[in-house]
């Protein structure tokens, strides 16, 4: 899975407060959003979200990562494509 997609899924869940809302916003299935977030957590070796049947909350580490991940997501979207060498 693409690391950027993992971060985007995590930021989407954090912004929208749930996997279903993030899936709609990101135009992917809820399962795919969940898989991306789980893969991100596994690659980092930490839990970023506390999940219950009713709610999703950021952990303390998740809040810190959200602050960094959110800015990474924004900067990647706004970064111009590099000029090609001729």
Foldseek 3Di string as FASTA:
>chain_A
DDLLLLLLLLLLCAVVFHLCSSCVVVVHDSVVSVVSPVVNCVVVVHHQWDDDPVTIDGDPVVVVVSVVSVVVNVCVVPDDDDDDDD
